[in-house]
């Protein structure tokens, strides 16, 4: 992909607010400093394996040299679809060390989404496991690359084979030292349902992370329990903590509450972050009572609404751990967060306060500011805002309002105490356990079903995941939930996008202008669930 599509405009680079908040150093420069400072101290643990800062930096250099030997040049994109692992973190840093742009892709994505992501990202190299949990990722990615005619190399590597396969004794490229060049692409779904590649530079991405660490009060000497996948923005931030703040990483390859208890007891992480689903699972886990989790002092929640009873349950079962609500976006990173000094009720009643250097406004339909307590559209302005949508300059321009403000697509209330409560979304996306479900995409696929006359997919409340998807369908033939899900499998939609309930109607509720009244459908399914349906 042409590097100029990523470049930040000069006015943002020179802005005083950017200079005040940006680290103005690249990720590889920061890693070199931490390696020199911390040396033999552990950088990454995954239970059986511990890698020191010095060992990690050496492995990163070795793989970066191997990438360069394979033709990866500064500005090239390297995509990877890997589970959370030591190899995955090494590869992510090696891509940056080579001056290239990392494009992590969630393991949940299949051919349909991969076609958009690889088509927009135009990677020079794609790395995966040959197979993971029954899914042939190597074969799948190679097939997508062939179908798109990309001509890029695909590598399917077994766990632990990264350094031996990609490692090289070749000369390293110069240390990348321009923090305004692109560092990574995080993939998200917009209202169209097509993935968008959110491009962050070293400055914008590391700035957003630094603001969150400052609010949490964590830094050198702390350890992050990485429970979210490394392709998630929280996972990307977690990887970067190692270089930015010298924070040790404790990895879990795939979320398992019992194993999480073992790892916390053995590796002693001090904080973690993820959607509420993870905390709910941990608190309900039988192993919790027999393991020592006292090292955990912070559990930062984001990616989905925080059920207030969860704060009380955590206080009872994890008495030494503060549960702190937060809110963020792919474009800005974290926007708001509670702090350990805030009263517990703040996280039960809000999504925290705006981070330093983060400006927020709540706008009404006339785009004028609303008073505290009034619900409206949330817009933000911050030095951590992304550089561009990959290969979509039109979407990049449309994302911003005059004055550098960005419309988030979320509805919110700003309270007198300065906290923000996210009340809903203007964008038609369901968040299931922290995963965005692109509703328009799923509806479009279902409309191809011969028995579907009309369809509307809405969120239904779920105690564990926050939300699940319910499909309201006007049928024109026989249709069952299993049949609908089989059809979506044939359409190559990721299983996480499939609706988990089917409701049949004679007609969808419509406005006078012909739009589906989804708020009525949400009310209908919520009432049905309350009644035990």
Protein backbone atom coordinates (compact mmCIF):
# COMPACT_ATOMS: atom_id res chain seq x y z
CA UNK A 1 0.00 0.00 0.00
CA UNK A 2 1.39 3.45 -0.83
CA UNK A 3 2.86 4.92 2.33
CA UNK A 4 1.51 8.39 1.57
CA UNK A 5 -2.01 7.18 2.30
CA UNK A 6 -0.99 6.88 5.91
CA UNK A 7 0.91 10.11 6.42
CA UNK A 8 -0.33 12.52 9.06
CA UNK A 9 -0.98 16.06 7.81
CA UNK A 10 1.76 18.52 8.88
CA UNK A 11 -0.67 20.57 10.96
CA UNK A 12 -1.31 17.59 13.24
CA UNK A 13 2.39 16.83 13.61
CA UNK A 14 3.17 20.43 14.54
CA UNK A 15 0.16 21.00 16.80
CA UNK A 16 1.10 21.96 20.40
CA UNK A 17 -1.38 19.45 21.84
CA UNK A 18 0.23 16.66 19.83
CA UNK A 19 3.70 17.60 21.00
CA UNK A 20 2.50 17.64 24.61
CA UNK A 21 0.98 14.16 24.47
CA UNK A 22 2.99 12.19 21.90
CA UNK A 23 6.06 10.19 22.94
CA UNK A 24 7.80 11.28 19.71
CA UNK A 25 9.79 8.05 19.66
CA UNK A 26 9.21 4.89 17.67
CA UNK A 27 8.32 1.52 19.19
CA UNK A 28 11.70 -0.09 18.22
CA UNK A 29 13.62 2.81 19.82
CA UNK A 30 11.61 2.37 23.02
CA UNK A 31 12.21 -1.39 23.02
CA UNK A 32 15.97 -0.91 22.63
CA UNK A 33 15.93 1.37 25.68
CA UNK A 34 13.93 -1.11 27.79
CA UNK A 35 16.22 -3.97 26.73
CA UNK A 36 19.27 -2.00 27.83
CA UNK A 37 17.62 -0.95 31.10
CA UNK A 38 15.89 -4.19 32.15
CA UNK A 39 18.13 -6.79 30.48
CA UNK A 40 17.62 -10.11 32.25
CA UNK A 41 14.28 -9.21 33.82
CA UNK A 42 11.29 -11.18 32.42
CA UNK A 43 9.46 -9.49 29.56
CA UNK A 44 6.96 -12.20 28.54
CA UNK A 45 5.58 -15.26 30.31
CA UNK A 46 3.01 -17.77 29.09
CA UNK A 47 3.28 -20.29 31.90
CA UNK A 48 6.01 -22.72 30.77
CA UNK A 49 8.10 -20.12 28.91
CA UNK A 50 9.75 -16.95 30.15
CA UNK A 51 11.62 -14.56 27.84
CA UNK A 52 13.77 -11.75 29.23
CA UNK A 53 13.85 -8.24 27.77
CA UNK A 54 17.32 -8.87 26.35
CA UNK A 55 16.29 -12.20 24.81
CA UNK A 56 13.11 -10.69 23.42
CA UNK A 57 14.94 -7.79 21.75
CA UNK A 58 17.45 -10.22 20.21
CA UNK A 59 14.65 -12.42 18.81
CA UNK A 60 12.90 -9.34 17.42
CA UNK A 61 16.10 -8.26 15.64
CA UNK A 62 16.63 -11.75 14.24
CA UNK A 63 13.11 -12.01 12.82
CA UNK A 64 13.22 -8.41 11.54
CA UNK A 65 16.39 -9.27 9.60
CA UNK A 66 14.56 -12.30 8.20
CA UNK A 67 11.64 -10.14 7.10
CA UNK A 68 14.03 -7.77 5.34
CA UNK A 69 15.74 -10.72 3.65
CA UNK A 70 12.32 -11.77 2.30
CA UNK A 71 11.84 -8.37 0.71
CA UNK A 72 9.80 -6.59 3.39
CA UNK A 73 10.64 -2.90 3.15
CA UNK A 74 9.71 0.14 5.27
CA UNK A 75 6.06 1.01 4.69
CA UNK A 76 5.10 -2.51 3.57
CA UNK A 77 2.21 -4.20 5.34
CA UNK A 78 2.69 -7.58 7.03
CA UNK A 79 -0.58 -9.26 8.02
CA UNK A 80 -0.85 -12.03 10.57
CA UNK A 81 -3.69 -14.18 11.91
CA UNK A 82 -2.29 -15.81 15.04
CA UNK A 83 -3.39 -16.75 18.54
CA UNK A 84 -1.95 -14.90 21.52
CA UNK A 85 1.56 -16.32 21.88
CA UNK A 86 5.19 -15.37 22.41
CA UNK A 87 5.75 -15.86 18.67
CA UNK A 88 2.90 -13.48 17.91
CA UNK A 89 4.39 -10.72 20.07
CA UNK A 90 7.87 -11.26 18.60
CA UNK A 91 6.48 -11.03 15.06
CA UNK A 92 4.52 -7.86 15.86
CA UNK A 93 7.65 -6.12 17.13
CA UNK A 94 9.82 -7.52 14.31
CA UNK A 95 7.46 -5.98 11.76
CA UNK A 96 7.93 -2.60 13.44
CA UNK A 97 11.71 -3.14 13.68
CA UNK A 98 11.78 -3.71 9.92
CA UNK A 99 9.98 -0.39 9.44
CA UNK A 100 6.87 -2.17 8.17
CA UNK A 101 3.23 -1.93 9.25
CA UNK A 102 1.63 -4.70 11.31
CA UNK A 103 -1.88 -5.81 10.35
CA UNK A 104 -3.16 -8.20 13.06
CA UNK A 105 -6.33 -10.07 12.06
CA UNK A 106 -8.69 -11.76 14.49
CA UNK A 107 -8.91 -15.55 14.40
CA UNK A 108 -12.69 -15.14 14.12
CA UNK A 109 -12.53 -13.84 10.56
CA UNK A 110 -13.13 -16.07 7.56
CA UNK A 111 -12.89 -15.69 3.77
CA UNK A 112 -15.46 -12.94 3.40
CA UNK A 113 -13.86 -10.52 5.87
CA UNK A 114 -10.33 -11.58 4.93
CA UNK A 115 -11.00 -10.57 1.33
CA UNK A 116 -11.82 -7.02 2.45
CA UNK A 117 -8.91 -6.81 4.89
CA UNK A 118 -6.22 -8.19 2.62
CA UNK A 119 -7.64 -6.33 -0.35
CA UNK A 120 -7.42 -3.00 1.46
CA UNK A 121 -4.20 -3.73 3.32
CA UNK A 122 -2.31 -5.08 0.28
CA UNK A 123 0.19 -6.99 2.46
CA UNK A 124 3.67 -8.00 1.33
CA UNK A 125 3.54 -11.07 3.60
CA UNK A 126 0.79 -12.97 5.45
CA UNK A 127 1.66 -15.18 8.45
CA UNK A 128 -0.56 -17.73 10.20
CA UNK A 129 -0.59 -21.15 11.82
CA UNK A 130 -1.21 -24.03 9.37
CA UNK A 131 -4.19 -25.06 11.53
CA UNK A 132 -5.56 -23.90 14.83
CA UNK A 133 -8.51 -25.40 16.71
CA UNK A 134 -9.72 -27.20 13.63
CA UNK A 135 -9.56 -24.21 11.27
CA UNK A 136 -7.06 -24.50 8.36
CA UNK A 137 -5.84 -20.89 8.51
CA UNK A 138 -2.86 -21.42 6.24
CA UNK A 139 -4.96 -22.93 3.46
CA UNK A 140 -7.73 -20.35 3.93
CA UNK A 141 -5.41 -17.34 3.74
CA UNK A 142 -3.51 -18.74 0.77
CA UNK A 143 -6.82 -19.21 -1.04
CA UNK A 144 -7.91 -15.63 -0.33
CA UNK A 145 -4.55 -14.28 -1.52
CA UNK A 146 -4.88 -16.27 -4.78
CA UNK A 147 -8.47 -15.16 -5.34
CA UNK A 148 -7.46 -11.51 -4.91
CA UNK A 149 -4.43 -11.89 -7.17
CA UNK A 150 -2.21 -10.20 -4.58
CA UNK A 151 0.93 -12.12 -5.36
CA UNK A 152 2.17 -11.80 -1.79
CA UNK A 153 3.88 -14.56 0.16
CA UNK A 154 1.95 -16.59 2.73
CA UNK A 155 3.69 -18.43 5.56
CA UNK A 156 1.99 -21.02 7.79
CA UNK A 157 4.22 -21.65 10.81
CA UNK A 158 3.81 -24.03 13.71
CA UNK A 159 4.00 -22.51 17.19
CA UNK A 160 7.62 -21.96 18.17
CA UNK A 161 8.91 -22.04 14.59
CA UNK A 162 8.97 -18.28 13.99
CA UNK A 163 12.61 -17.59 14.80
CA UNK A 164 13.93 -20.71 13.08
CA UNK A 165 11.89 -20.08 9.91
CA UNK A 166 11.90 -16.29 9.61
CA UNK A 167 15.07 -15.62 11.59
CA UNK A 168 18.13 -14.50 9.67
CA UNK A 169 21.71 -13.47 10.27
CA UNK A 170 21.37 -10.85 7.55
CA UNK A 171 22.11 -7.23 8.27
CA UNK A 172 19.34 -5.38 10.07
CA UNK A 173 17.70 -2.41 8.36
CA UNK A 174 18.28 0.96 10.04
CA UNK A 175 16.38 1.47 13.30
CA UNK A 176 13.07 3.19 12.40
CA UNK A 177 13.09 6.52 14.20
CA UNK A 178 10.23 8.50 12.64
CA UNK A 179 7.31 8.22 15.08
CA UNK A 180 4.89 9.74 12.56
CA UNK A 181 5.12 6.76 10.22
CA UNK A 182 2.46 4.01 10.44
CA UNK A 183 2.89 1.33 13.09
CA UNK A 184 -0.21 -0.85 12.84
CA UNK A 185 -3.67 -1.30 11.35
CA UNK A 186 -6.52 -2.33 13.61
CA UNK A 187 -9.58 -3.67 11.79
CA UNK A 188 -13.08 -2.61 12.69
CA UNK A 189 -16.53 -2.74 11.12
CA UNK A 190 -18.53 0.34 10.23
CA UNK A 191 -22.20 0.84 9.51
CA UNK A 192 -21.72 -0.62 6.04
CA UNK A 193 -20.56 -3.89 7.60
CA UNK A 194 -17.33 -3.87 5.59
CA UNK A 195 -14.14 -3.93 7.69
CA UNK A 196 -12.22 -0.67 7.88
CA UNK A 197 -8.48 -0.54 8.46
CA UNK A 198 -7.75 2.03 11.17
CA UNK A 199 -4.15 3.14 10.71
CA UNK A 200 -2.19 4.34 13.74
CA UNK A 201 1.30 5.77 13.74
CA UNK A 202 3.83 5.20 16.50
CA UNK A 203 2.80 8.55 17.99
CA UNK A 204 -0.99 8.18 17.80
CA UNK A 205 -1.05 4.56 19.00
CA UNK A 206 1.50 4.91 21.79
CA UNK A 207 -0.02 8.20 22.92
CA UNK A 208 -3.42 6.57 23.48
CA UNK A 209 -1.81 3.76 25.45
CA UNK A 210 0.26 6.14 27.56
CA UNK A 211 -2.82 8.15 28.54
CA UNK A 212 -4.57 4.97 29.76
CA UNK A 213 -1.55 3.75 31.75
CA UNK A 214 -1.33 7.18 33.36
CA UNK A 215 -4.98 6.98 34.46
CA UNK A 216 -4.57 3.45 35.84
CA UNK A 217 -1.37 4.36 37.67
CA UNK A 218 0.59 1.39 36.33
CA UNK A 219 4.13 1.27 34.98
CA UNK A 220 7.54 -0.32 35.53
CA UNK A 221 7.28 -3.21 37.96
CA UNK A 222 3.72 -4.03 36.92
CA UNK A 223 2.62 -7.01 34.83
CA UNK A 224 -0.29 -7.13 32.38
CA UNK A 225 -2.37 -10.30 32.08
CA UNK A 226 -3.17 -10.33 28.35
CA UNK A 227 -6.59 -12.00 28.16
CA UNK A 228 -7.85 -10.44 24.92
CA UNK A 229 -6.59 -11.64 21.52
CA UNK A 230 -3.57 -9.75 20.23
CA UNK A 231 -5.53 -8.69 17.13
CA UNK A 232 -7.96 -6.75 19.36
CA UNK A 233 -6.98 -3.14 20.06
CA UNK A 234 -6.67 -3.95 23.77
CA UNK A 235 -4.30 -6.78 22.84
CA UNK A 236 -2.25 -4.49 20.60
CA UNK A 237 -2.01 -1.96 23.43
CA UNK A 238 -0.94 -4.75 25.78
CA UNK A 239 1.91 -5.74 23.46
CA UNK A 240 3.10 -2.14 23.27
CA UNK A 241 3.18 -1.77 27.08
CA UNK A 242 6.33 -3.85 27.10
CA UNK A 243 8.34 -1.21 25.20
CA UNK A 244 6.51 1.93 26.30
CA UNK A 245 6.57 1.30 30.05
CA UNK A 246 8.68 -1.81 30.72
CA UNK A 247 5.60 -3.77 31.75
CA UNK A 248 5.90 -7.57 31.86
CA UNK A 249 3.31 -9.48 29.81
CA UNK A 250 1.59 -12.66 30.99
CA UNK A 251 -0.07 -14.40 28.04
CA UNK A 252 -2.98 -16.82 27.81
CA UNK A 253 -3.36 -18.30 24.33
CA UNK A 254 -7.14 -18.66 24.47
CA UNK A 255 -9.49 -17.62 27.25
CA UNK A 256 -10.10 -20.39 29.79
CA UNK A 257 -11.14 -19.25 33.29
CA UNK A 258 -9.57 -22.25 35.06
CA UNK A 259 -6.25 -21.75 33.27
CA UNK A 260 -6.46 -18.02 33.96
CA UNK A 261 -6.60 -18.74 37.70
CA UNK A 262 -3.48 -20.93 37.42
CA UNK A 263 -1.57 -18.27 35.46
CA UNK A 264 -2.46 -15.45 37.85
CA UNK A 265 -1.35 -17.55 40.82
CA UNK A 266 1.91 -18.63 39.17
CA UNK A 267 2.93 -15.49 37.22
CA UNK A 268 1.49 -12.79 39.54
CA UNK A 269 0.19 -10.19 37.04
CA UNK A 270 -0.97 -6.97 38.66
CA UNK A 271 -3.65 -5.78 36.22
CA UNK A 272 -5.67 -6.84 33.20
CA UNK A 273 -8.17 -5.45 30.72
CA UNK A 274 -10.99 -6.83 28.60
CA UNK A 275 -14.75 -6.97 28.04
CA UNK A 276 -17.01 -7.73 31.05
CA UNK A 277 -17.51 -11.28 29.72
CA UNK A 278 -14.03 -12.23 30.94
CA UNK A 279 -14.64 -11.00 34.47
CA UNK A 280 -18.04 -12.72 34.61
CA UNK A 281 -16.41 -16.00 33.60
CA UNK A 282 -13.64 -15.59 36.15
CA UNK A 283 -16.01 -14.84 39.02
CA UNK A 284 -18.14 -17.88 38.17
CA UNK A 285 -15.14 -20.17 37.81
CA UNK A 286 -14.88 -22.98 40.39
CA UNK A 287 -11.09 -22.67 40.42
CA UNK A 288 -11.33 -19.13 41.77
CA UNK A 289 -11.85 -20.30 45.35
CA UNK A 290 -8.77 -22.53 45.39
CA UNK A 291 -6.26 -20.15 43.78
CA UNK A 292 -4.43 -17.05 45.00
CA UNK A 293 -5.35 -14.12 42.74
CA UNK A 294 -4.27 -11.48 45.24
CA UNK A 295 -1.66 -10.01 42.85
CA UNK A 296 -4.45 -8.61 40.63
CA UNK A 297 -5.23 -5.10 41.79
CA UNK A 298 -6.94 -3.69 38.66
CA UNK A 299 -9.44 -5.18 36.20
CA UNK A 300 -10.17 -2.57 33.52
CA UNK A 301 -13.41 -3.25 31.68
CA UNK A 302 -14.24 -2.00 28.20
CA UNK A 303 -15.69 -3.06 24.87
CA UNK A 304 -19.21 -3.57 26.24
CA UNK A 305 -21.49 -2.03 28.89
CA UNK A 306 -20.56 -2.89 32.49
CA UNK A 307 -23.50 -4.44 34.43
CA UNK A 308 -23.58 -2.62 37.83
CA UNK A 309 -24.07 -5.89 39.80
CA UNK A 310 -20.73 -7.04 38.40
CA UNK A 311 -18.92 -4.38 40.44
CA UNK A 312 -20.45 -5.73 43.66
CA UNK A 313 -19.78 -9.37 42.74
CA UNK A 314 -16.12 -8.59 42.04
CA UNK A 315 -15.75 -6.72 45.32
CA UNK A 316 -16.96 -9.86 47.11
CA UNK A 317 -14.91 -12.47 45.22
CA UNK A 318 -11.82 -10.41 44.28
CA UNK A 319 -11.63 -8.07 47.27
CA UNK A 320 -8.17 -6.69 46.47
CA UNK A 321 -8.96 -5.93 42.83
CA UNK A 322 -10.54 -2.68 41.66
CA UNK A 323 -12.95 -2.99 38.71
CA UNK A 324 -12.63 0.14 36.58
CA UNK A 325 -15.00 0.97 33.72
CA UNK A 326 -13.67 2.49 30.51
CA UNK A 327 -14.73 3.30 26.96
CA UNK A 328 -12.71 3.43 23.79
CA UNK A 329 -12.75 3.20 20.02
CA UNK A 330 -10.44 1.77 17.39
CA UNK A 331 -9.91 5.29 16.09
CA UNK A 332 -8.92 6.98 19.37
CA UNK A 333 -7.96 4.10 21.61
CA UNK A 334 -9.21 4.67 25.14
CA UNK A 335 -11.39 7.76 25.52
CA UNK A 336 -12.57 7.51 29.14
CA UNK A 337 -11.62 5.50 32.21
CA UNK A 338 -12.15 5.41 35.92
CA UNK A 339 -9.05 5.53 38.12
CA UNK A 340 -8.12 3.52 41.22
CA UNK A 341 -8.68 6.70 43.26
CA UNK A 342 -12.30 7.06 42.14
CA UNK A 343 -15.12 5.79 44.35
CA UNK A 344 -16.37 2.31 43.27
CA UNK A 345 -19.76 3.78 42.37
CA UNK A 346 -18.25 5.73 39.48
CA UNK A 347 -17.64 2.53 37.49
CA UNK A 348 -21.12 1.25 38.27
CA UNK A 349 -22.73 4.51 37.16
CA UNK A 350 -20.51 5.62 34.26
CA UNK A 351 -17.72 4.70 31.86
CA UNK A 352 -15.22 6.89 33.66
CA UNK A 353 -13.91 10.35 32.98
CA UNK A 354 -12.14 11.56 29.81
CA UNK A 355 -8.43 10.83 29.82
CA UNK A 356 -5.93 13.68 29.88
CA UNK A 357 -5.67 15.48 26.52
CA UNK A 358 -9.07 13.99 25.61
CA UNK A 359 -11.83 16.47 24.79
CA UNK A 360 -15.44 15.27 24.64
CA UNK A 361 -18.69 16.96 23.66
CA UNK A 362 -22.30 15.79 23.56
CA UNK A 363 -24.18 17.22 20.58
CA UNK A 364 -27.88 17.46 19.85
CA UNK A 365 -29.56 17.06 16.44
CA UNK A 366 -28.56 20.64 15.58
CA UNK A 367 -24.91 19.80 16.41
CA UNK A 368 -24.98 22.21 19.36
CA UNK A 369 -23.64 21.25 22.77
CA UNK A 370 -26.14 19.76 25.20
CA UNK A 371 -26.29 20.43 28.91
CA UNK A 372 -25.02 17.90 31.45
CA UNK A 373 -27.44 15.01 31.82
CA UNK A 374 -28.84 15.26 28.30
CA UNK A 375 -28.29 12.36 25.90
CA UNK A 376 -26.79 13.10 22.51
CA UNK A 377 -24.06 12.19 20.01
CA UNK A 378 -20.57 11.80 21.44
CA UNK A 379 -17.79 13.59 19.57
CA UNK A 380 -14.15 13.62 20.64
CA UNK A 381 -10.90 15.40 19.87
CA UNK A 382 -7.53 14.01 20.95
CA UNK A 383 -3.88 13.66 19.88
CA UNK A 384 -4.38 9.87 19.91
CA UNK A 385 -6.82 9.93 17.00
CA UNK A 386 -5.89 7.67 14.08
CA UNK A 387 -4.06 8.79 10.95
CA UNK A 388 -6.35 7.38 8.24
CA UNK A 389 -8.57 4.53 7.11
CA UNK A 390 -6.42 2.29 4.91
CA UNK A 391 -7.01 3.04 1.23
CA UNK A 392 -10.22 4.92 2.07
CA UNK A 393 -9.46 8.66 1.94
CA UNK A 394 -13.18 9.29 1.43
CA UNK A 395 -14.05 7.66 4.76
CA UNK A 396 -11.17 9.46 6.45
CA UNK A 397 -12.52 12.84 5.34
CA UNK A 398 -16.08 11.94 6.36
CA UNK A 399 -14.97 10.86 9.84
CA UNK A 400 -14.12 14.38 10.99
CA UNK A 401 -16.21 17.40 11.86
CA UNK A 402 -14.88 20.97 11.62
CA UNK A 403 -12.19 21.76 14.16
CA UNK A 404 -10.74 18.24 14.26
CA UNK A 405 -13.65 16.68 16.17
CA UNK A 406 -14.64 13.10 15.30
CA UNK A 407 -18.15 11.74 15.47
CA UNK A 408 -17.92 8.40 17.29
CA UNK A 409 -21.36 7.07 16.36
CA UNK A 410 -22.13 6.51 20.05
CA UNK A 411 -24.77 8.12 22.22
CA UNK A 412 -23.75 9.40 25.63
CA UNK A 413 -24.49 11.58 28.63
CA UNK A 414 -21.94 13.91 30.22
CA UNK A 415 -22.49 14.17 33.96
CA UNK A 416 -21.85 17.10 36.31
CA UNK A 417 -18.91 15.23 37.88
CA UNK A 418 -17.21 15.03 34.48
CA UNK A 419 -17.90 11.34 33.92
CA UNK A 420 -19.38 9.97 30.71
CA UNK A 421 -22.06 7.31 30.40
CA UNK A 422 -22.38 5.58 27.02
CA UNK A 423 -26.10 5.00 26.49
CA UNK A 424 -26.26 3.38 23.08
CA UNK A 425 -25.02 3.52 19.54
CA UNK A 426 -26.06 5.52 16.58
CA UNK A 427 -24.27 2.99 14.40
CA UNK A 428 -26.18 -0.21 13.85
CA UNK A 429 -23.66 -2.54 15.47
CA UNK A 430 -24.20 -5.15 18.16
CA UNK A 431 -21.35 -5.74 20.63
CA UNK A 432 -21.27 -9.40 21.67
CA UNK A 433 -18.71 -9.98 24.40
CA UNK A 434 -16.58 -7.13 23.11
CA UNK A 435 -16.84 -8.23 19.45
CA UNK A 436 -18.61 -5.88 17.04
CA UNK A 437 -21.22 -7.61 14.88
CA UNK A 438 -21.73 -5.76 11.57
CA UNK A 439 -25.50 -5.94 11.36
CA UNK A 440 -25.87 -4.67 7.80
CA UNK A 441 -23.47 -7.34 6.56
CA UNK A 442 -25.38 -10.17 8.25
CA UNK A 443 -28.75 -8.82 7.13
CA UNK A 444 -27.48 -8.60 3.57
CA UNK A 445 -26.37 -12.22 3.66
CA UNK A 446 -29.69 -13.41 5.07
CA UNK A 447 -31.65 -11.58 2.41
CA UNK A 448 -30.09 -14.01 -0.06
CA UNK A 449 -31.88 -16.89 1.67
CA UNK A 450 -34.84 -18.05 -0.43
CA UNK A 451 -37.09 -18.21 2.65
CA UNK A 452 -36.30 -14.69 3.91
CA UNK A 453 -38.64 -11.94 2.78
CA UNK A 454 -37.38 -9.23 5.12
CA UNK A 455 -34.96 -9.22 8.03
CA UNK A 456 -33.85 -6.95 10.84
CA UNK A 457 -31.18 -7.94 13.35
CA UNK A 458 -31.15 -6.29 16.76
CA UNK A 459 -29.35 -6.67 20.06
CA UNK A 460 -30.94 -8.69 22.83
CA UNK A 461 -29.59 -8.44 26.38
CA UNK A 462 -27.40 -11.24 27.69
CA UNK A 463 -26.07 -11.50 31.24
CA UNK A 464 -22.69 -12.93 30.26
CA UNK A 465 -21.89 -11.39 26.86
CA UNK A 466 -23.74 -8.10 27.29
CA UNK A 467 -25.55 -8.53 23.99
CA UNK A 468 -26.44 -11.25 21.53
CA UNK A 469 -27.99 -10.98 18.08
CA UNK A 470 -31.65 -11.70 17.42
CA UNK A 471 -32.90 -11.97 13.84
CA UNK A 472 -36.46 -10.82 13.16
CA UNK A 473 -37.55 -12.31 9.84
CA UNK A 474 -40.64 -12.02 7.67
CA UNK A 475 -40.54 -15.50 6.11
CA UNK A 476 -41.62 -16.52 2.64
CA UNK A 477 -40.99 -20.22 3.24
CA UNK A 478 -39.94 -22.57 5.99
CA UNK A 479 -37.09 -21.23 8.12
CA UNK A 480 -35.46 -22.52 11.30
CA UNK A 481 -32.63 -21.16 13.45
CA UNK A 482 -30.36 -24.07 12.49
CA UNK A 483 -31.18 -23.65 8.82
CA UNK A 484 -30.47 -19.93 8.99
CA UNK A 485 -27.10 -20.51 10.64
CA UNK A 486 -26.17 -23.23 8.13
CA UNK A 487 -26.90 -20.74 5.36
CA UNK A 488 -24.63 -18.11 6.96
CA UNK A 489 -21.87 -20.71 7.17
CA UNK A 490 -22.25 -21.26 3.42
CA UNK A 491 -22.01 -17.49 2.98
CA UNK A 492 -18.62 -17.65 4.75
CA UNK A 493 -19.63 -15.37 7.59
CA UNK A 494 -17.69 -15.86 10.82
CA UNK A 495 -19.67 -17.88 13.40
CA UNK A 496 -19.45 -15.04 15.91
CA UNK A 497 -21.67 -12.99 13.57
CA UNK A 498 -24.50 -15.54 13.42
CA UNK A 499 -27.74 -14.57 15.22
CA UNK A 500 -28.45 -16.70 18.25
CA UNK A 501 -32.22 -16.33 18.13
CA UNK A 502 -34.83 -16.27 15.37
CA UNK A 503 -38.18 -14.55 15.68
CA UNK A 504 -40.75 -14.73 12.86
CA UNK A 505 -43.14 -11.85 12.15
CA UNK A 506 -45.83 -11.15 9.59
CA UNK A 507 -44.33 -7.69 9.04
CA UNK A 508 -41.54 -5.57 10.48
CA UNK A 509 -42.54 -2.37 12.32
CA UNK A 510 -41.83 0.56 10.01
CA UNK A 511 -41.70 4.33 10.20
CA UNK A 512 -43.79 6.51 7.90
CA UNK A 513 -40.72 6.95 5.72
CA UNK A 514 -40.27 3.18 5.36
CA UNK A 515 -37.44 2.59 7.86
CA UNK A 516 -37.53 -0.37 10.23
CA UNK A 517 -38.22 0.68 13.81
CA UNK A 518 -35.45 -1.32 15.40
CA UNK A 519 -36.00 0.24 18.79
CA UNK A 520 -39.39 -1.46 18.87
CA UNK A 521 -37.82 -4.80 17.99
CA UNK A 522 -35.26 -4.38 20.77
CA UNK A 523 -38.06 -3.63 23.20
CA UNK A 524 -40.02 -6.66 22.00
CA UNK A 525 -37.19 -9.14 22.48
CA UNK A 526 -36.17 -7.64 25.82
CA UNK A 527 -39.75 -7.97 27.09
CA UNK A 528 -39.99 -11.53 25.79
CA UNK A 529 -36.77 -12.47 27.59
CA UNK A 530 -37.99 -10.85 30.81
CA UNK A 531 -41.16 -12.90 30.53
CA UNK A 532 -39.12 -16.08 30.13
CA UNK A 533 -39.69 -16.57 26.42
